[in-house]
Amino acid sequence: MAKINLTPASELVDEVWGKPGTPERDKMEARLKEDLNAYFVGEAIKKARQAQNLTQEELGQRIGVQRAQISRLEKGKSIITLPTMSRVFRALGIESGILDLGAIGKVALW
């Protein structure tokens, strides 16, 4: 029977993006975190929109953007600025947004 050599995924990640703490690895991990955060914001937008039985086009009309922009936001494929986030959530009837900065405290975004 042939012997199979398996490489742990962590070794492959280290090989491709560098060891933890290197500039390449830090950049990759920061990008992944940004992508994950964009996904979670997009999911929140989508759930709030669907709870109100709104189409992407109807939400886009409320804030003055095309349906395609709402689609990109919901998929986490577009960077959302705080002013845009405020417009979207206000259009969905969410009147306040709070940013939790941990030990520093909380900040009202709108």
PDB file of N, CA and C in Angstrom:
ATOM      1  N   MET A   1       0.844  -1.172   0.000  1.00  0.00           N
ATOM      2  CA  MET A   1       0.000   0.000   0.000  1.00  0.00           C
ATOM      3  C   MET A   1       0.894   1.243   0.000  1.00  0.00           C
ATOM      4  N   ALA A   2       0.523   2.215  -0.820  1.00  0.00           N
ATOM      5  CA  ALA A   2       1.314   3.433  -0.935  1.00  0.00           C
ATOM      6  C   ALA A   2       1.109   4.333   0.276  1.00  0.00           C
ATOM      7  N   LYS A   3       2.177   4.983   0.691  1.00  0.00           N
ATOM      8  CA  LYS A   3       2.112   5.903   1.810  1.00  0.00           C
ATOM      9  C   LYS A   3       1.774   7.302   1.285  1.00  0.00           C
ATOM     10  N   ILE A   4       0.829   7.949   1.944  1.00  0.00           N
ATOM     11  CA  ILE A   4       0.405   9.285   1.539  1.00  0.00           C
ATOM     12  C   ILE A   4       0.978  10.290   2.539  1.00  0.00           C
ATOM     13  N   ASN A   5       1.656  11.290   2.004  1.00  0.00           N
ATOM     14  CA  ASN A   5       2.172  12.366   2.850  1.00  0.00           C
ATOM     15  C   ASN A   5       1.206  13.538   2.808  1.00  0.00           C
ATOM     16  N   LEU A   6       0.675  13.878   3.958  1.00  0.00           N
ATOM     17  CA  LEU A   6      -0.262  14.990   4.052  1.00  0.00           C
ATOM     18  C   LEU A   6       0.433  16.185   4.686  1.00  0.00           C
ATOM     19  N   THR A   7       0.165  17.348   4.157  1.00  0.00           N
ATOM     20  CA  THR A   7       0.728  18.585   4.699  1.00  0.00           C
ATOM     21  C   THR A   7      -0.366  19.329   5.439  1.00  0.00           C
ATOM     22  N   PRO A   8      -0.145  19.694   6.680  1.00  0.00           N
ATOM     23  CA  PRO A   8      -1.167  20.457   7.416  1.00  0.00           C
ATOM     24  C   PRO A   8      -1.469  21.784   6.715  1.00  0.00           C
ATOM     25  N   ALA A   9      -2.732  22.187   6.771  1.00  0.00           N
ATOM     26  CA  ALA A   9      -3.149  23.435   6.132  1.00  0.00           C
ATOM     27  C   ALA A   9      -2.369  24.626   6.673  1.00  0.00           C
ATOM     28  N   SER A  10      -2.036  24.611   7.966  1.00  0.00           N
ATOM     29  CA  SER A  10      -1.299  25.739   8.542  1.00  0.00           C
ATOM     30  C   SER A  10       0.066  25.902   7.887  1.00  0.00           C
ATOM     31  N   GLU A  11       0.696  24.796   7.522  1.00  0.00           N
ATOM     32  CA  GLU A  11       1.990  24.879   6.830  1.00  0.00           C
ATOM     33  C   GLU A  11       1.825  25.466   5.439  1.00  0.00           C
ATOM     34  N   LEU A  12       0.749  25.103   4.761  1.00  0.00           N
ATOM     35  CA  LEU A  12       0.497  25.649   3.421  1.00  0.00           C
ATOM     36  C   LEU A  12       0.226  27.152   3.492  1.00  0.00           C
ATOM     37  N   VAL A  13      -0.543  27.575   4.494  1.00  0.00           N
ATOM     38  CA  VAL A  13      -0.819  29.002   4.666  1.00  0.00           C
ATOM     39  C   VAL A  13       0.486  29.745   4.938  1.00  0.00           C
ATOM     40  N   ASP A  14       1.329  29.184   5.812  1.00  0.00           N
ATOM     41  CA  ASP A  14       2.622  29.811   6.099  1.00  0.00           C
ATOM     42  C   ASP A  14       3.471  29.909   4.834  1.00  0.00           C
ATOM     43  N   GLU A  15       3.425  28.888   4.010  1.00  0.00           N
ATOM     44  CA  GLU A  15       4.224  28.862   2.788  1.00  0.00           C
ATOM     45  C   GLU A  15       3.745  29.914   1.783  1.00  0.00           C
ATOM     46  N   VAL A  16       2.427  30.055   1.651  1.00  0.00           N
ATOM     47  CA  VAL A  16       1.871  30.976   0.662  1.00  0.00           C
ATOM     48  C   VAL A  16       1.900  32.422   1.146  1.00  0.00           C
ATOM     49  N   TRP A  17       1.488  32.660   2.409  1.00  0.00           N
ATOM     50  CA  TRP A  17       1.354  34.023   2.910  1.00  0.00           C
ATOM     51  C   TRP A  17       2.406  34.413   3.936  1.00  0.00           C
ATOM     52  N   GLY A  18       3.330  33.546   4.223  1.00  0.00           N
ATOM     53  CA  GLY A  18       4.380  33.858   5.186  1.00  0.00           C
ATOM     54  C   GLY A  18       3.994  33.469   6.595  1.00  0.00           C
ATOM     55  N   LYS A  19       4.974  33.492   7.461  1.00  0.00           N
ATOM     56  CA  LYS A  19       4.767  33.143   8.868  1.00  0.00           C
ATOM     57  C   LYS A  19       3.971  34.248   9.571  1.00  0.00           C
ATOM     58  N   PRO A  20       3.255  33.903  10.657  1.00  0.00           N
ATOM     59  CA  PRO A  20       2.547  34.926  11.424  1.00  0.00           C
ATOM     60  C   PRO A  20       3.510  36.022  11.881  1.00  0.00           C
ATOM     61  N   GLY A  21       3.058  37.271  11.765  1.00  0.00           N
ATOM     62  CA  GLY A  21       3.879  38.404  12.173  1.00  0.00           C
ATOM     63  C   GLY A  21       4.668  39.038  11.045  1.00  0.00           C
ATOM     64  N   THR A  22       4.711  38.393   9.880  1.00  0.00           N
ATOM     65  CA  THR A  22       5.412  38.993   8.745  1.00  0.00           C
ATOM     66  C   THR A  22       4.470  39.974   8.044  1.00  0.00           C
ATOM     67  N   PRO A  23       5.008  40.965   7.342  1.00  0.00           N
ATOM     68  CA  PRO A  23       4.149  41.946   6.669  1.00  0.00           C
ATOM     69  C   PRO A  23       3.155  41.303   5.687  1.00  0.00           C
ATOM     70  N   GLU A  24       3.599  40.290   4.948  1.00  0.00           N
ATOM     71  CA  GLU A  24       2.714  39.633   3.980  1.00  0.00           C
ATOM     72  C   GLU A  24       1.544  38.958   4.682  1.00  0.00           C
ATOM     73  N   ARG A  25       1.832  38.252   5.754  1.00  0.00           N
ATOM     74  CA  ARG A  25       0.799  37.537   6.503  1.00  0.00           C
ATOM     75  C   ARG A  25      -0.149  38.529   7.173  1.00  0.00           C
ATOM     76  N   ASP A  26       0.395  39.590   7.774  1.00  0.00           N
ATOM     77  CA  ASP A  26      -0.447  40.594   8.423  1.00  0.00           C
ATOM     78  C   ASP A  26      -1.397  41.236   7.412  1.00  0.00           C
ATOM     79  N   LYS A  27      -0.892  41.523   6.211  1.00  0.00           N
ATOM     80  CA  LYS A  27      -1.711  42.128   5.170  1.00  0.00           C
ATOM     81  C   LYS A  27      -2.833  41.177   4.747  1.00  0.00           C
ATOM     82  N   MET A  28      -2.508  39.898   4.584  1.00  0.00           N
ATOM     83  CA  MET A  28      -3.499  38.911   4.188  1.00  0.00           C
ATOM     84  C   MET A  28      -4.566  38.763   5.269  1.00  0.00           C
ATOM     85  N   GLU A  29      -4.162  38.676   6.522  1.00  0.00           N
ATOM     86  CA  GLU A  29      -5.118  38.508   7.611  1.00  0.00           C
ATOM     87  C   GLU A  29      -6.008  39.739   7.774  1.00  0.00           C
ATOM     88  N   ALA A  30      -5.447  40.924   7.572  1.00  0.00           N
ATOM     89  CA  ALA A  30      -6.242  42.151   7.647  1.00  0.00           C
ATOM     90  C   ALA A  30      -7.288  42.165   6.535  1.00  0.00           C
ATOM     91  N   ARG A  31      -6.885  41.745   5.339  1.00  0.00           N
ATOM     92  CA  ARG A  31      -7.817  41.699   4.201  1.00  0.00           C
ATOM     93  C   ARG A  31      -8.941  40.703   4.459  1.00  0.00           C
ATOM     94  N   LEU A  32      -8.609  39.545   5.008  1.00  0.00           N
ATOM     95  CA  LEU A  32      -9.630  38.551   5.326  1.00  0.00           C
ATOM     96  C   LEU A  32     -10.619  39.085   6.357  1.00  0.00           C
ATOM     97  N   LYS A  33     -10.113  39.812   7.342  1.00  0.00           N
ATOM     98  CA  LYS A  33     -10.981  40.382   8.369  1.00  0.00           C
ATOM     99  C   LYS A  33     -11.912  41.432   7.760  1.00  0.00           C
ATOM    100  N   GLU A  34     -11.382  42.263   6.864  1.00  0.00           N
ATOM    101  CA  GLU A  34     -12.204  43.263   6.181  1.00  0.00           C
ATOM    102  C   GLU A  34     -13.303  42.590   5.361  1.00  0.00           C
ATOM    103  N   ASP A  35     -12.929  41.534   4.641  1.00  0.00           N
ATOM    104  CA  ASP A  35     -13.905  40.805   3.824  1.00  0.00           C
ATOM    105  C   ASP A  35     -14.991  40.177   4.690  1.00  0.00           C
ATOM    106  N   LEU A  36     -14.609  39.628   5.824  1.00  0.00           N
ATOM    107  CA  LEU A  36     -15.569  39.011   6.729  1.00  0.00           C
ATOM    108  C   LEU A  36     -16.517  40.066   7.310  1.00  0.00           C
ATOM    109  N   ASN A  37     -15.981  41.208   7.702  1.00  0.00           N
ATOM    110  CA  ASN A  37     -16.820  42.283   8.225  1.00  0.00           C
ATOM    111  C   ASN A  37     -17.799  42.784   7.154  1.00  0.00           C
ATOM    112  N   ALA A  38     -17.328  42.916   5.921  1.00  0.00           N
ATOM    113  CA  ALA A  38     -18.198  43.353   4.820  1.00  0.00           C
ATOM    114  C   ALA A  38     -19.323  42.338   4.610  1.00  0.00           C
ATOM    115  N   TYR A  39     -19.000  41.058   4.742  1.00  0.00           N
ATOM    116  CA  TYR A  39     -20.010  40.013   4.596  1.00  0.00           C
ATOM    117  C   TYR A  39     -21.081  40.153   5.682  1.00  0.00           C
ATOM    118  N   PHE A  40     -20.669  40.344   6.935  1.00  0.00           N
ATOM    119  CA  PHE A  40     -21.626  40.455   8.037  1.00  0.00           C
ATOM    120  C   PHE A  40     -22.512  41.693   7.902  1.00  0.00           C
ATOM    121  N   VAL A  41     -21.945  42.815   7.487  1.00  0.00           N
ATOM    122  CA  VAL A  41     -22.756  44.019   7.262  1.00  0.00           C
ATOM    123  C   VAL A  41     -23.744  43.759   6.127  1.00  0.00           C
ATOM    124  N   GLY A  42     -23.276  43.123   5.066  1.00  0.00           N
ATOM    125  CA  GLY A  42     -24.154  42.796   3.940  1.00  0.00           C
ATOM    126  C   GLY A  42     -25.299  41.897   4.348  1.00  0.00           C
ATOM    127  N   GLU A  43     -25.006  40.910   5.172  1.00  0.00           N
ATOM    128  CA  GLU A  43     -26.056  40.016   5.659  1.00  0.00           C
ATOM    129  C   GLU A  43     -27.075  40.775   6.499  1.00  0.00           C
ATOM    130  N   ALA A  44     -26.619  41.714   7.311  1.00  0.00           N
ATOM    131  CA  ALA A  44     -27.537  42.516   8.135  1.00  0.00           C
ATOM    132  C   ALA A  44     -28.454  43.353   7.243  1.00  0.00           C
ATOM    133  N   ILE A  45     -27.892  43.947   6.194  1.00  0.00           N
ATOM    134  CA  ILE A  45     -28.691  44.734   5.257  1.00  0.00           C
ATOM    135  C   ILE A  45     -29.734  43.840   4.595  1.00  0.00           C
ATOM    136  N   LYS A  46     -29.300  42.702   4.113  1.00  0.00           N
ATOM    137  CA  LYS A  46     -30.195  41.777   3.414  1.00  0.00           C
ATOM    138  C   LYS A  46     -31.336  41.319   4.321  1.00  0.00           C
ATOM    139  N   LYS A  47     -31.020  40.930   5.558  1.00  0.00           N
ATOM    140  CA  LYS A  47     -32.054  40.456   6.483  1.00  0.00           C
ATOM    141  C   LYS A  47     -33.058  41.560   6.801  1.00  0.00           C
ATOM    142  N   ALA A  48     -32.561  42.772   7.032  1.00  0.00           N
ATOM    143  CA  ALA A  48     -33.463  43.883   7.337  1.00  0.00           C
ATOM    144  C   ALA A  48     -34.341  44.216   6.133  1.00  0.00           C
ATOM    145  N   ARG A  49     -33.768  44.175   4.949  1.00  0.00           N
ATOM    146  CA  ARG A  49     -34.534  44.461   3.729  1.00  0.00           C
ATOM    147  C   ARG A  49     -35.611  43.400   3.512  1.00  0.00           C
ATOM    148  N   GLN A  50     -35.229  42.139   3.635  1.00  0.00           N
ATOM    149  CA  GLN A  50     -36.185  41.058   3.420  1.00  0.00           C
ATOM    150  C   GLN A  50     -37.285  41.045   4.474  1.00  0.00           C
ATOM    151  N   ALA A  51     -36.964  41.433   5.708  1.00  0.00           N
ATOM    152  CA  ALA A  51     -37.972  41.484   6.768  1.00  0.00           C
ATOM    153  C   ALA A  51     -39.070  42.490   6.441  1.00  0.00           C
ATOM    154  N   GLN A  52     -38.733  43.478   5.608  1.00  0.00           N
ATOM    155  CA  GLN A  52     -39.703  44.493   5.210  1.00  0.00           C
ATOM    156  C   GLN A  52     -40.297  44.199   3.829  1.00  0.00           C
ATOM    157  N   ASN A  53     -39.960  43.036   3.285  1.00  0.00           N
ATOM    158  CA  ASN A  53     -40.449  42.630   1.959  1.00  0.00           C
ATOM    159  C   ASN A  53     -40.100  43.649   0.879  1.00  0.00           C
ATOM    160  N   LEU A  54     -38.899  44.214   0.975  1.00  0.00           N
ATOM    161  CA  LEU A  54     -38.415  45.163  -0.031  1.00  0.00           C
ATOM    162  C   LEU A  54     -37.524  44.436  -1.027  1.00  0.00           C
ATOM    163  N   THR A  55     -37.588  44.856  -2.273  1.00  0.00           N
ATOM    164  CA  THR A  55     -36.634  44.353  -3.254  1.00  0.00           C
ATOM    165  C   THR A  55     -35.367  45.192  -3.156  1.00  0.00           C
ATOM    166  N   GLN A  56     -34.301  44.689  -3.761  1.00  0.00           N
ATOM    167  CA  GLN A  56     -33.063  45.464  -3.810  1.00  0.00           C
ATOM    168  C   GLN A  56     -33.294  46.766  -4.558  1.00  0.00           C
ATOM    169  N   GLU A  57     -34.104  46.712  -5.593  1.00  0.00           N
ATOM    170  CA  GLU A  57     -34.389  47.923  -6.363  1.00  0.00           C
ATOM    171  C   GLU A  57     -35.135  48.953  -5.525  1.00  0.00           C
ATOM    172  N   GLU A  58     -36.104  48.512  -4.732  1.00  0.00           N
ATOM    173  CA  GLU A  58     -36.858  49.440  -3.885  1.00  0.00           C
ATOM    174  C   GLU A  58     -35.951  50.084  -2.837  1.00  0.00           C
ATOM    175  N   LEU A  59     -35.068  49.307  -2.230  1.00  0.00           N
ATOM    176  CA  LEU A  59     -34.131  49.881  -1.263  1.00  0.00           C
ATOM    177  C   LEU A  59     -33.191  50.857  -1.958  1.00  0.00           C
ATOM    178  N   GLY A  60     -32.717  50.494  -3.130  1.00  0.00           N
ATOM    179  CA  GLY A  60     -31.853  51.394  -3.889  1.00  0.00           C
ATOM    180  C   GLY A  60     -32.535  52.717  -4.197  1.00  0.00           C
ATOM    181  N   GLN A  61     -33.813  52.664  -4.555  1.00  0.00           N
ATOM    182  CA  GLN A  61     -34.564  53.887  -4.839  1.00  0.00           C
ATOM    183  C   GLN A  61     -34.673  54.767  -3.596  1.00  0.00           C
ATOM    184  N   ARG A  62     -34.820  54.134  -2.434  1.00  0.00           N
ATOM    185  CA  ARG A  62     -34.943  54.907  -1.193  1.00  0.00           C
ATOM    186  C   ARG A  62     -33.689  55.706  -0.875  1.00  0.00           C
ATOM    187  N   ILE A  63     -32.517  55.175  -1.286  1.00  0.00           N
ATOM    188  CA  ILE A  63     -31.277  55.883  -0.953  1.00  0.00           C
ATOM    189  C   ILE A  63     -30.575  56.466  -2.175  1.00  0.00           C
ATOM    190  N   GLY A  64     -31.169  56.286  -3.350  1.00  0.00           N
ATOM    191  CA  GLY A  64     -30.635  56.920  -4.551  1.00  0.00           C
ATOM    192  C   GLY A  64     -29.485  56.185  -5.220  1.00  0.00           C
ATOM    193  N   VAL A  65     -29.503  54.851  -5.152  1.00  0.00           N
ATOM    194  CA  VAL A  65     -28.482  54.063  -5.856  1.00  0.00           C
ATOM    195  C   VAL A  65     -29.169  52.982  -6.686  1.00  0.00           C
ATOM    196  N   GLN A  66     -28.413  52.389  -7.592  1.00  0.00           N
ATOM    197  CA  GLN A  66     -28.939  51.327  -8.441  1.00  0.00           C
ATOM    198  C   GLN A  66     -29.056  50.013  -7.658  1.00  0.00           C
ATOM    199  N   ARG A  67     -29.910  49.117  -8.141  1.00  0.00           N
ATOM    200  CA  ARG A  67     -30.084  47.798  -7.542  1.00  0.00           C
ATOM    201  C   ARG A  67     -28.765  47.054  -7.450  1.00  0.00           C
ATOM    202  N   ALA A  68     -27.919  47.201  -8.461  1.00  0.00           N
ATOM    203  CA  ALA A  68     -26.632  46.500  -8.476  1.00  0.00           C
ATOM    204  C   ALA A  68     -25.756  46.888  -7.285  1.00  0.00           C
ATOM    205  N   GLN A  69     -25.840  48.149  -6.863  1.00  0.00           N
ATOM    206  CA  GLN A  69     -25.058  48.591  -5.703  1.00  0.00           C
ATOM    207  C   GLN A  69     -25.559  47.907  -4.435  1.00  0.00           C
ATOM    208  N   ILE A  70     -26.869  47.790  -4.286  1.00  0.00           N
ATOM    209  CA  ILE A  70     -27.435  47.093  -3.121  1.00  0.00           C
ATOM    210  C   ILE A  70     -26.995  45.632  -3.145  1.00  0.00           C
ATOM    211  N   SER A  71     -27.009  45.022  -4.314  1.00  0.00           N
ATOM    212  CA  SER A  71     -26.568  43.633  -4.443  1.00  0.00           C
ATOM    213  C   SER A  71     -25.117  43.474  -4.005  1.00  0.00           C
ATOM    214  N   ARG A  72     -24.239  44.379  -4.454  1.00  0.00           N
ATOM    215  CA  ARG A  72     -22.819  44.307  -4.065  1.00  0.00           C
ATOM    216  C   ARG A  72     -22.650  44.492  -2.555  1.00  0.00           C
ATOM    217  N   LEU A  73     -23.416  45.412  -1.969  1.00  0.00           N
ATOM    218  CA  LEU A  73     -23.335  45.632  -0.525  1.00  0.00           C
ATOM    219  C   LEU A  73     -23.775  44.385   0.233  1.00  0.00           C
ATOM    220  N   GLU A  74     -24.876  43.789  -0.196  1.00  0.00           N
ATOM    221  CA  GLU A  74     -25.394  42.607   0.488  1.00  0.00           C
ATOM    222  C   GLU A  74     -24.459  41.415   0.378  1.00  0.00           C
ATOM    223  N   LYS A  75     -23.730  41.325  -0.715  1.00  0.00           N
ATOM    224  CA  LYS A  75     -22.784  40.222  -0.903  1.00  0.00           C
ATOM    225  C   LYS A  75     -21.428  40.496  -0.261  1.00  0.00           C
ATOM    226  N   GLY A  76     -21.248  41.705   0.281  1.00  0.00           N
ATOM    227  CA  GLY A  76     -19.961  42.063   0.870  1.00  0.00           C
ATOM    228  C   GLY A  76     -18.898  42.316  -0.177  1.00  0.00           C
ATOM    229  N   LYS A  77     -19.317  42.643  -1.394  1.00  0.00           N
ATOM    230  CA  LYS A  77     -18.381  42.845  -2.503  1.00  0.00           C
ATOM    231  C   LYS A  77     -18.048  44.304  -2.735  1.00  0.00           C
ATOM    232  N   SER A  78     -18.567  45.173  -1.892  1.00  0.00           N
ATOM    233  CA  SER A  78     -18.334  46.600  -2.042  1.00  0.00           C
ATOM    234  C   SER A  78     -18.027  47.176  -0.672  1.00  0.00           C
ATOM    235  N   ILE A  79     -17.054  48.055  -0.613  1.00  0.00           N
ATOM    236  CA  ILE A  79     -16.727  48.721   0.641  1.00  0.00           C
ATOM    237  C   ILE A  79     -17.859  49.694   0.961  1.00  0.00           C
ATOM    238  N   ILE A  80     -18.383  49.620   2.160  1.00  0.00           N
ATOM    239  CA  ILE A  80     -19.460  50.530   2.550  1.00  0.00           C
ATOM    240  C   ILE A  80     -18.883  51.587   3.482  1.00  0.00           C
ATOM    241  N   THR A  81     -19.141  52.832   3.135  1.00  0.00           N
ATOM    242  CA  THR A  81     -18.687  53.936   3.976  1.00  0.00           C
ATOM    243  C   THR A  81     -19.719  54.161   5.089  1.00  0.00           C
ATOM    244  N   LEU A  82     -19.311  54.854   6.131  1.00  0.00           N
ATOM    245  CA  LEU A  82     -20.251  55.141   7.220  1.00  0.00           C
ATOM    246  C   LEU A  82     -21.450  55.970   6.746  1.00  0.00           C
ATOM    247  N   PRO A  83     -21.251  56.988   5.890  1.00  0.00           N
ATOM    248  CA  PRO A  83     -22.426  57.723   5.407  1.00  0.00           C
ATOM    249  C   PRO A  83     -23.398  56.831   4.614  1.00  0.00           C
ATOM    250  N   THR A  84     -22.862  55.930   3.794  1.00  0.00           N
ATOM    251  CA  THR A  84     -23.726  55.022   3.035  1.00  0.00           C
ATOM    252  C   THR A  84     -24.426  54.052   3.974  1.00  0.00           C
ATOM    253  N   MET A  85     -23.690  53.528   4.952  1.00  0.00           N
ATOM    254  CA  MET A  85     -24.286  52.614   5.917  1.00  0.00           C
ATOM    255  C   MET A  85     -25.429  53.309   6.655  1.00  0.00           C
ATOM    256  N   SER A  86     -25.211  54.553   7.028  1.00  0.00           N
ATOM    257  CA  SER A  86     -26.251  55.318   7.711  1.00  0.00           C
ATOM    258  C   SER A  86     -27.477  55.462   6.819  1.00  0.00           C
ATOM    259  N   ARG A  87     -27.295  55.830   5.554  1.00  0.00           N
ATOM    260  CA  ARG A  87     -28.422  56.002   4.627  1.00  0.00           C
ATOM    261  C   ARG A  87     -29.190  54.695   4.450  1.00  0.00           C
ATOM    262  N   VAL A  88     -28.460  53.584   4.305  1.00  0.00           N
ATOM    263  CA  VAL A  88     -29.104  52.289   4.095  1.00  0.00           C
ATOM    264  C   VAL A  88     -29.941  51.907   5.315  1.00  0.00           C
ATOM    265  N   PHE A  89     -29.329  51.937   6.486  1.00  0.00           N
ATOM    266  CA  PHE A  89     -30.048  51.494   7.672  1.00  0.00           C
ATOM    267  C   PHE A  89     -31.176  52.445   8.062  1.00  0.00           C
ATOM    268  N   ARG A  90     -30.993  53.733   7.839  1.00  0.00           N
ATOM    269  CA  ARG A  90     -32.102  54.668   8.100  1.00  0.00           C
ATOM    270  C   ARG A  90     -33.256  54.403   7.138  1.00  0.00           C
ATOM    271  N   ALA A  91     -32.935  54.112   5.881  1.00  0.00           N
ATOM    272  CA  ALA A  91     -33.980  53.791   4.901  1.00  0.00           C
ATOM    273  C   ALA A  91     -34.723  52.524   5.304  1.00  0.00           C
ATOM    274  N   LEU A  92     -34.078  51.681   6.073  1.00  0.00           N
ATOM    275  CA  LEU A  92     -34.698  50.448   6.558  1.00  0.00           C
ATOM    276  C   LEU A  92     -35.371  50.646   7.919  1.00  0.00           C
ATOM    277  N   GLY A  93     -35.371  51.883   8.403  1.00  0.00           N
ATOM    278  CA  GLY A  93     -36.051  52.183   9.659  1.00  0.00           C
ATOM    279  C   GLY A  93     -35.219  51.948  10.904  1.00  0.00           C
ATOM    280  N   ILE A  94     -33.935  51.744  10.735  1.00  0.00           N
ATOM    281  CA  ILE A  94     -33.043  51.560  11.877  1.00  0.00           C
ATOM    282  C   ILE A  94     -32.454  52.926  12.191  1.00  0.00           C
ATOM    283  N   GLU A  95     -32.929  53.535  13.255  1.00  0.00           N
ATOM    284  CA  GLU A  95     -32.659  54.941  13.528  1.00  0.00           C
ATOM    285  C   GLU A  95     -31.321  55.227  14.193  1.00  0.00           C
ATOM    286  N   SER A  96     -30.668  54.217  14.748  1.00  0.00           N
ATOM    287  CA  SER A  96     -29.375  54.496  15.375  1.00  0.00           C
ATOM    288  C   SER A  96     -28.415  53.340  15.127  1.00  0.00           C
ATOM    289  N   GLY A  97     -27.145  53.689  15.103  1.00  0.00           N
ATOM    290  CA  GLY A  97     -26.084  52.702  14.952  1.00  0.00           C
ATOM    291  C   GLY A  97     -24.989  53.004  15.948  1.00  0.00           C
ATOM    292  N   ILE A  98     -24.547  51.992  16.649  1.00  0.00           N
ATOM    293  CA  ILE A  98     -23.533  52.169  17.685  1.00  0.00           C
ATOM    294  C   ILE A  98     -22.304  51.340  17.325  1.00  0.00           C
ATOM    295  N   LEU A  99     -21.141  51.962  17.400  1.00  0.00           N
ATOM    296  CA  LEU A  99     -19.877  51.272  17.181  1.00  0.00           C
ATOM    297  C   LEU A  99     -19.262  50.989  18.546  1.00  0.00           C
ATOM    298  N   ASP A 100     -19.042  49.711  18.834  1.00  0.00           N
ATOM    299  CA  ASP A 100     -18.468  49.306  20.119  1.00  0.00           C
ATOM    300  C   ASP A 100     -16.951  49.245  19.969  1.00  0.00           C
ATOM    301  N   LEU A 101     -16.248  50.131  20.663  1.00  0.00           N
ATOM    302  CA  LEU A 101     -14.788  50.202  20.601  1.00  0.00           C
ATOM    303  C   LEU A 101     -14.128  49.518  21.796  1.00  0.00           C
ATOM    304  N   GLY A 102     -14.844  48.601  22.399  1.00  0.00           N
ATOM    305  CA  GLY A 102     -14.284  47.851  23.519  1.00  0.00           C
ATOM    306  C   GLY A 102     -14.015  48.727  24.720  1.00  0.00           C
ATOM    307  N   ALA A 103     -12.774  48.669  25.197  1.00  0.00           N
ATOM    308  CA  ALA A 103     -12.396  49.398  26.413  1.00  0.00           C
ATOM    309  C   ALA A 103     -12.520  50.908  26.248  1.00  0.00           C
ATOM    310  N   ILE A 104     -12.458  51.403  25.017  1.00  0.00           N
ATOM    311  CA  ILE A 104     -12.544  52.848  24.767  1.00  0.00           C
ATOM    312  C   ILE A 104     -13.975  53.353  24.947  1.00  0.00           C
ATOM    313  N   GLY A 105     -14.943  52.494  24.661  1.00  0.00           N
ATOM    314  CA  GLY A 105     -16.336  52.876  24.807  1.00  0.00           C
ATOM    315  C   GLY A 105     -17.113  52.695  23.522  1.00  0.00           C
ATOM    316  N   LYS A 106     -18.290  53.252  23.488  1.00  0.00           N
ATOM    317  CA  LYS A 106     -19.180  53.145  22.328  1.00  0.00           C
ATOM    318  C   LYS A 106     -19.376  54.522  21.712  1.00  0.00           C
ATOM    319  N   VAL A 107     -19.542  54.519  20.383  1.00  0.00           N
ATOM    320  CA  VAL A 107     -19.731  55.764  19.641  1.00  0.00           C
ATOM    321  C   VAL A 107     -21.001  55.640  18.806  1.00  0.00           C
ATOM    322  N   ALA A 108     -21.880  56.629  18.877  1.00  0.00           N
ATOM    323  CA  ALA A 108     -23.068  56.658  18.037  1.00  0.00           C
ATOM    324  C   ALA A 108     -22.640  57.078  16.635  1.00  0.00           C
ATOM    325  N   LEU A 109     -22.969  56.246  15.637  1.00  0.00           N
ATOM    326  CA  LEU A 109     -22.594  56.553  14.258  1.00  0.00           C
ATOM    327  C   LEU A 109     -23.643  57.433  13.574  1.00  0.00           C
ATOM    328  N   TRP A 110     -24.877  57.262  13.944  1.00  0.00           N
ATOM    329  CA  TRP A 110     -25.958  58.091  13.431  1.00  0.00           C
ATOM    330  C   TRP A 110     -27.111  58.061  14.384  1.00  0.00           C
TER     331      TRP A 110
END
